[in-house]
């Protein structure tokens, strides 16, 4: 296992996150940071369809990688398990917010119609 790529972090990178070069803590923090950015981006409901697809793929991909990491047999402290569950909730909420924004502002509909 290699060291985490986050500045100052002494944790090791689990095998499932080797490509990310981040420990579980920093991987979850990065997901949560990106989700917050995307939630702000999509809140107004003007996100182009292509970007919506990118976000949907991000949610699925990160969720799958997080699930693989969390169920890989690592012995995680309860605090880390809680963080992982919270990150899943963050991903689910982003997807739900994207769906709700799309319902409020269907693609192709302009103001005043």
C-alpha atoms as a PDB file:
ATOM      1  CA  UNK A   1       0.000   0.000   0.000  1.00  0.00           C
ATOM      2  CA  UNK A   2       1.240   3.463  -0.882  1.00  0.00           C
ATOM      3  CA  UNK A   3       0.974   6.664   1.173  1.00  0.00           C
ATOM      4  CA  UNK A   4      -1.987   9.026   0.693  1.00  0.00           C
ATOM      5  CA  UNK A   5      -1.391  11.816  -1.796  1.00  0.00           C
ATOM      6  CA  UNK A   6      -3.108  14.463   0.354  1.00  0.00           C
ATOM      7  CA  UNK A   7      -0.597  16.966   1.754  1.00  0.00           C
ATOM      8  CA  UNK A   8       0.500  16.025   5.269  1.00  0.00           C
ATOM      9  CA  UNK A   9      -1.503  12.790   5.420  1.00  0.00           C
ATOM     10  CA  UNK A  10       0.314   9.747   6.813  1.00  0.00           C
ATOM     11  CA  UNK A  11      -2.437   7.216   6.041  1.00  0.00           C
ATOM     12  CA  UNK A  12      -2.061   4.515   3.416  1.00  0.00           C
ATOM     13  CA  UNK A  13      -4.130   4.078   0.280  1.00  0.00           C
ATOM     14  CA  UNK A  14      -6.286   0.921   0.184  1.00  0.00           C
ATOM     15  CA  UNK A  15      -5.950  -1.214  -2.937  1.00  0.00           C
ATOM     16  CA  UNK A  16      -9.371  -0.175  -4.273  1.00  0.00           C
ATOM     17  CA  UNK A  17      -8.290   3.500  -4.220  1.00  0.00           C
ATOM     18  CA  UNK A  18      -4.804   3.097  -5.717  1.00  0.00           C
ATOM     19  CA  UNK A  19      -5.832   4.946  -8.895  1.00  0.00           C
ATOM     20  CA  UNK A  20      -7.133   7.835  -6.764  1.00  0.00           C
ATOM     21  CA  UNK A  21      -3.956   7.988  -4.640  1.00  0.00           C
ATOM     22  CA  UNK A  22      -6.075   8.911  -1.598  1.00  0.00           C
ATOM     23  CA  UNK A  23      -6.823   7.287   1.742  1.00  0.00           C
ATOM     24  CA  UNK A  24     -10.487   6.627   2.563  1.00  0.00           C
ATOM     25  CA  UNK A  25     -10.804   9.822   4.611  1.00  0.00           C
ATOM     26  CA  UNK A  26      -9.465  12.082   1.868  1.00  0.00           C
ATOM     27  CA  UNK A  27     -11.415  10.204  -0.812  1.00  0.00           C
ATOM     28  CA  UNK A  28     -14.680  10.836   1.064  1.00  0.00           C
ATOM     29  CA  UNK A  29     -13.745  14.474   1.704  1.00  0.00           C
ATOM     30  CA  UNK A  30     -13.045  14.967  -2.003  1.00  0.00           C
ATOM     31  CA  UNK A  31     -16.390  13.408  -2.969  1.00  0.00           C
ATOM     32  CA  UNK A  32     -18.219  15.643  -0.505  1.00  0.00           C
ATOM     33  CA  UNK A  33     -16.392  18.749  -1.770  1.00  0.00           C
ATOM     34  CA  UNK A  34     -17.193  17.955  -5.407  1.00  0.00           C
ATOM     35  CA  UNK A  35     -20.817  17.125  -4.557  1.00  0.00           C
ATOM     36  CA  UNK A  36     -21.216  20.509  -2.827  1.00  0.00           C
ATOM     37  CA  UNK A  37     -19.879  22.253  -5.955  1.00  0.00           C
ATOM     38  CA  UNK A  38     -22.209  20.281  -8.223  1.00  0.00           C
ATOM     39  CA  UNK A  39     -25.199  20.872  -5.948  1.00  0.00           C
ATOM     40  CA  UNK A  40     -24.618  24.639  -6.202  1.00  0.00           C
ATOM     41  CA  UNK A  41     -24.167  24.316  -9.966  1.00  0.00           C
ATOM     42  CA  UNK A  42     -27.433  22.417 -10.425  1.00  0.00           C
ATOM     43  CA  UNK A  43     -29.565  24.288  -7.871  1.00  0.00           C
ATOM     44  CA  UNK A  44     -30.896  26.800 -10.391  1.00  0.00           C
ATOM     45  CA  UNK A  45     -32.016  24.076 -12.778  1.00  0.00           C
ATOM     46  CA  UNK A  46     -30.174  25.408 -15.810  1.00  0.00           C
ATOM     47  CA  UNK A  47     -27.634  22.617 -16.104  1.00  0.00           C
ATOM     48  CA  UNK A  48     -27.222  21.429 -19.720  1.00  0.00           C
ATOM     49  CA  UNK A  49     -28.197  17.816 -20.416  1.00  0.00           C
ATOM     50  CA  UNK A  50     -24.585  16.821 -21.155  1.00  0.00           C
ATOM     51  CA  UNK A  51     -23.477  18.124 -17.758  1.00  0.00           C
ATOM     52  CA  UNK A  52     -26.379  16.350 -16.041  1.00  0.00           C
ATOM     53  CA  UNK A  53     -25.192  13.085 -17.597  1.00  0.00           C
ATOM     54  CA  UNK A  54     -21.628  13.783 -16.378  1.00  0.00           C
ATOM     55  CA  UNK A  55     -22.925  14.360 -12.845  1.00  0.00           C
ATOM     56  CA  UNK A  56     -25.059  11.209 -12.926  1.00  0.00           C
ATOM     57  CA  UNK A  57     -22.020   9.225 -14.072  1.00  0.00           C
ATOM     58  CA  UNK A  58     -19.903  10.821 -11.329  1.00  0.00           C
ATOM     59  CA  UNK A  59     -22.456   9.848  -8.656  1.00  0.00           C
ATOM     60  CA  UNK A  60     -22.628   6.253  -9.901  1.00  0.00           C
ATOM     61  CA  UNK A  61     -18.901   5.853 -10.360  1.00  0.00           C
ATOM     62  CA  UNK A  62     -17.905   7.332  -7.006  1.00  0.00           C
ATOM     63  CA  UNK A  63     -20.653   5.391  -5.241  1.00  0.00           C
ATOM     64  CA  UNK A  64     -19.503   2.136  -6.803  1.00  0.00           C
ATOM     65  CA  UNK A  65     -15.851   2.776  -5.930  1.00  0.00           C
ATOM     66  CA  UNK A  66     -16.760   3.770  -2.387  1.00  0.00           C
ATOM     67  CA  UNK A  67     -18.865   0.615  -1.977  1.00  0.00           C
ATOM     68  CA  UNK A  68     -16.043  -1.566  -3.302  1.00  0.00           C
ATOM     69  CA  UNK A  69     -13.601   0.093  -0.906  1.00  0.00           C
ATOM     70  CA  UNK A  70     -15.879  -0.132   2.131  1.00  0.00           C
ATOM     71  CA  UNK A  71     -16.675  -3.803   1.555  1.00  0.00           C
ATOM     72  CA  UNK A  72     -13.157  -4.933   0.671  1.00  0.00           C
ATOM     73  CA  UNK A  73     -12.488  -6.475   4.079  1.00  0.00           C
ATOM     74  CA  UNK A  74     -10.706  -3.532   5.675  1.00  0.00           C
ATOM     75  CA  UNK A  75     -11.231  -3.199   9.393  1.00  0.00           C
ATOM     76  CA  UNK A  76     -12.600   0.318   9.696  1.00  0.00           C
ATOM     77  CA  UNK A  77     -13.307   2.212  12.912  1.00  0.00           C
ATOM     78  CA  UNK A  78     -16.927   3.176  13.523  1.00  0.00           C
ATOM     79  CA  UNK A  79     -16.123   6.839  12.808  1.00  0.00           C
ATOM     80  CA  UNK A  80     -14.887   5.930   9.329  1.00  0.00           C
ATOM     81  CA  UNK A  81     -17.930   3.737   8.694  1.00  0.00           C
ATOM     82  CA  UNK A  82     -20.125   6.701   9.645  1.00  0.00           C
ATOM     83  CA  UNK A  83     -18.170   8.980   7.291  1.00  0.00           C
ATOM     84  CA  UNK A  84     -18.583   6.483   4.442  1.00  0.00           C
ATOM     85  CA  UNK A  85     -22.328   6.238   5.068  1.00  0.00           C
ATOM     86  CA  UNK A  86     -22.560  10.034   5.159  1.00  0.00           C
ATOM     87  CA  UNK A  87     -20.734  10.225   1.833  1.00  0.00           C
ATOM     88  CA  UNK A  88     -23.220   7.779   0.304  1.00  0.00           C
ATOM     89  CA  UNK A  89     -26.006  10.026   1.576  1.00  0.00           C
ATOM     90  CA  UNK A  90     -24.277  13.044   0.010  1.00  0.00           C
ATOM     91  CA  UNK A  91     -24.118  11.253  -3.355  1.00  0.00           C
ATOM     92  CA  UNK A  92     -27.777  10.221  -3.113  1.00  0.00           C
ATOM     93  CA  UNK A  93     -28.857  13.760  -2.199  1.00  0.00           C
ATOM     94  CA  UNK A  94     -26.948  15.216  -5.152  1.00  0.00           C
ATOM     95  CA  UNK A  95     -28.705  12.836  -7.519  1.00  0.00           C
ATOM     96  CA  UNK A  96     -32.086  13.638  -5.976  1.00  0.00           C
ATOM     97  CA  UNK A  97     -31.419  17.397  -6.186  1.00  0.00           C
ATOM     98  CA  UNK A  98     -30.469  17.033  -9.841  1.00  0.00           C
ATOM     99  CA  UNK A  99     -33.700  15.159 -10.559  1.00  0.00           C
ATOM    100  CA  UNK A 100     -35.783  17.760  -8.710  1.00  0.00           C
ATOM    101  CA  UNK A 101     -34.109  20.668 -10.519  1.00  0.00           C
ATOM    102  CA  UNK A 102     -34.780  18.987 -13.862  1.00  0.00           C
ATOM    103  CA  UNK A 103     -38.465  18.621 -12.963  1.00  0.00           C
ATOM    104  CA  UNK A 104     -38.720  22.309 -12.051  1.00  0.00           C
ATOM    105  CA  UNK A 105     -37.020  23.384 -15.276  1.00  0.00           C
ATOM    106  CA  UNK A 106     -37.497  20.796 -18.028  1.00  0.00           C
ATOM    107  CA  UNK A 107     -34.844  20.881 -20.724  1.00  0.00           C
ATOM    108  CA  UNK A 108     -35.863  22.989 -23.688  1.00  0.00           C
ATOM    109  CA  UNK A 109     -38.421  25.020 -21.760  1.00  0.00           C
ATOM    110  CA  UNK A 110     -37.790  28.746 -21.747  1.00  0.00           C
ATOM    111  CA  UNK A 111     -38.988  31.382 -19.298  1.00  0.00           C
ATOM    112  CA  UNK A 112     -42.357  32.895 -20.050  1.00  0.00           C
ATOM    113  CA  UNK A 113     -43.839  29.817 -21.679  1.00  0.00           C
END
